Amino acid sequence: MEIPLSALKKGESGIITSILSASRRGRGGSWGFKKRLMDMGLTPGTEITVTKIAPFGGPIEICVRGSRLALGRGMAERILVRIKREWLRS
């Protein structure tokens, strides 16, 4: 099941499945948006972990490929992820 990155909670991990174009919101330049994310290491198949969530609709900090990035909510809403389920040992 794919959900937007913005729906993950602090500490949850996921695998990026796809990136929606920016034109979905009525803006052009979808290639520039996708290229910017790819330049930051956010490509399909990449594992991410949410490390911090700012209150009041602020940015979301993620850990990707050993680096921490802060993404605005608008960007995070257009990155679809599949939640990585980790089973705890009893």
Protein backbone atom coordinates (compact mmCIF):
# COMPACT_ATOMS: atom_id res chain seq x y z
CA MET A 1 0.00 0.00 0.00
CA GLU A 2 1.43 3.36 -1.05
CA ILE A 3 1.02 6.41 1.16
CA PRO A 4 2.54 9.89 1.02
CA LEU A 5 5.78 10.40 2.92
CA SER A 6 4.01 13.11 4.90
CA ALA A 7 1.76 10.42 6.46
CA LEU A 8 4.64 8.59 8.16
CA LYS A 9 5.20 9.11 11.87
CA LYS A 10 8.49 9.81 13.61
CA GLY A 11 10.67 6.70 13.61
CA GLU A 12 8.80 4.95 10.77
CA SER A 13 10.67 3.75 7.72
CA GLY A 14 9.55 3.26 4.17
CA ILE A 15 10.70 2.52 0.65
CA ILE A 16 10.11 5.18 -2.01
CA THR A 17 7.86 3.75 -4.71
CA SER A 18 7.18 6.78 -6.89
CA ILE A 19 7.26 10.55 -7.11
CA LEU A 20 4.21 12.45 -8.33
CA SER A 21 4.80 15.30 -10.73
CA ALA A 22 4.46 18.86 -9.50
CA SER A 23 1.95 19.54 -12.28
CA ARG A 24 -0.61 17.58 -10.24
CA ARG A 25 -1.14 20.79 -8.28
CA GLY A 26 -1.50 22.93 -11.38
CA ARG A 27 2.16 23.92 -11.68
CA GLY A 28 4.52 23.13 -14.52
CA GLY A 29 8.08 21.93 -14.33
CA SER A 30 7.55 18.37 -13.15
CA TRP A 31 10.95 17.27 -14.51
CA GLY A 32 12.75 19.91 -12.45
CA PHE A 33 10.97 18.73 -9.30
CA LYS A 34 11.83 15.08 -9.89
CA LYS A 35 15.42 15.93 -10.82
CA ARG A 36 15.85 17.95 -7.64
CA LEU A 37 14.69 14.99 -5.54
CA MET A 38 16.91 12.57 -7.46
CA ASP A 39 19.89 14.87 -6.89
CA MET A 40 19.17 14.63 -3.15
CA GLY A 41 19.20 10.81 -3.35
CA LEU A 42 15.42 10.34 -3.27
CA THR A 43 14.83 7.76 -5.98
CA PRO A 44 12.37 4.86 -6.22
CA GLY A 45 13.61 1.88 -4.20
CA THR A 46 15.46 4.03 -1.67
CA GLU A 47 14.81 3.45 2.03
CA ILE A 48 14.00 6.50 4.16
CA THR A 49 13.36 6.99 7.88
CA VAL A 50 11.47 9.92 9.41
CA THR A 51 13.63 11.41 12.17
CA LYS A 52 11.72 14.59 13.10
CA ILE A 53 8.39 16.23 12.31
CA ALA A 54 8.04 19.95 12.90
CA PRO A 55 4.73 21.10 14.41
CA PHE A 56 2.11 23.25 12.69
CA GLY A 57 2.72 21.91 9.18
CA GLY A 58 6.46 22.55 9.24
CA PRO A 59 9.11 20.48 7.46
CA ILE A 60 9.77 16.78 7.90
CA GLU A 61 13.33 15.61 8.54
CA ILE A 62 14.29 12.29 7.00
CA CYS A 63 17.37 10.11 6.94
CA VAL A 64 18.24 8.87 3.46
CA ARG A 65 21.46 7.12 2.44
CA GLY A 66 23.13 8.19 5.69
CA SER A 67 22.26 11.88 5.30
CA ARG A 68 19.53 13.94 6.92
CA LEU A 69 17.28 16.09 4.75
CA ALA A 70 14.45 18.45 5.60
CA LEU A 71 11.52 18.44 3.19
CA GLY A 72 8.57 20.79 3.13
CA ARG A 73 5.15 19.19 3.55
CA GLY A 74 4.25 19.94 -0.06
CA MET A 75 7.24 17.98 -1.31
CA ALA A 76 6.64 15.16 1.15
CA GLU A 77 3.03 14.81 -0.03
CA ARG A 78 4.21 14.05 -3.57
CA ILE A 79 6.63 11.29 -2.56
CA LEU A 80 4.85 7.94 -2.26
CA VAL A 81 6.28 5.27 0.02
CA ARG A 82 5.53 1.74 1.10
CA ILE A 83 5.85 1.36 4.87
CA LYS A 84 8.61 -0.99 5.98
CA ARG A 85 7.20 -3.31 8.62
CA GLU A 86 9.73 -4.42 11.19
CA TRP A 87 8.67 -7.19 13.52
CA LEU A 88 9.89 -6.96 17.09
CA ARG A 89 11.27 -10.02 18.80
CA SER A 90 9.20 -11.24 21.70
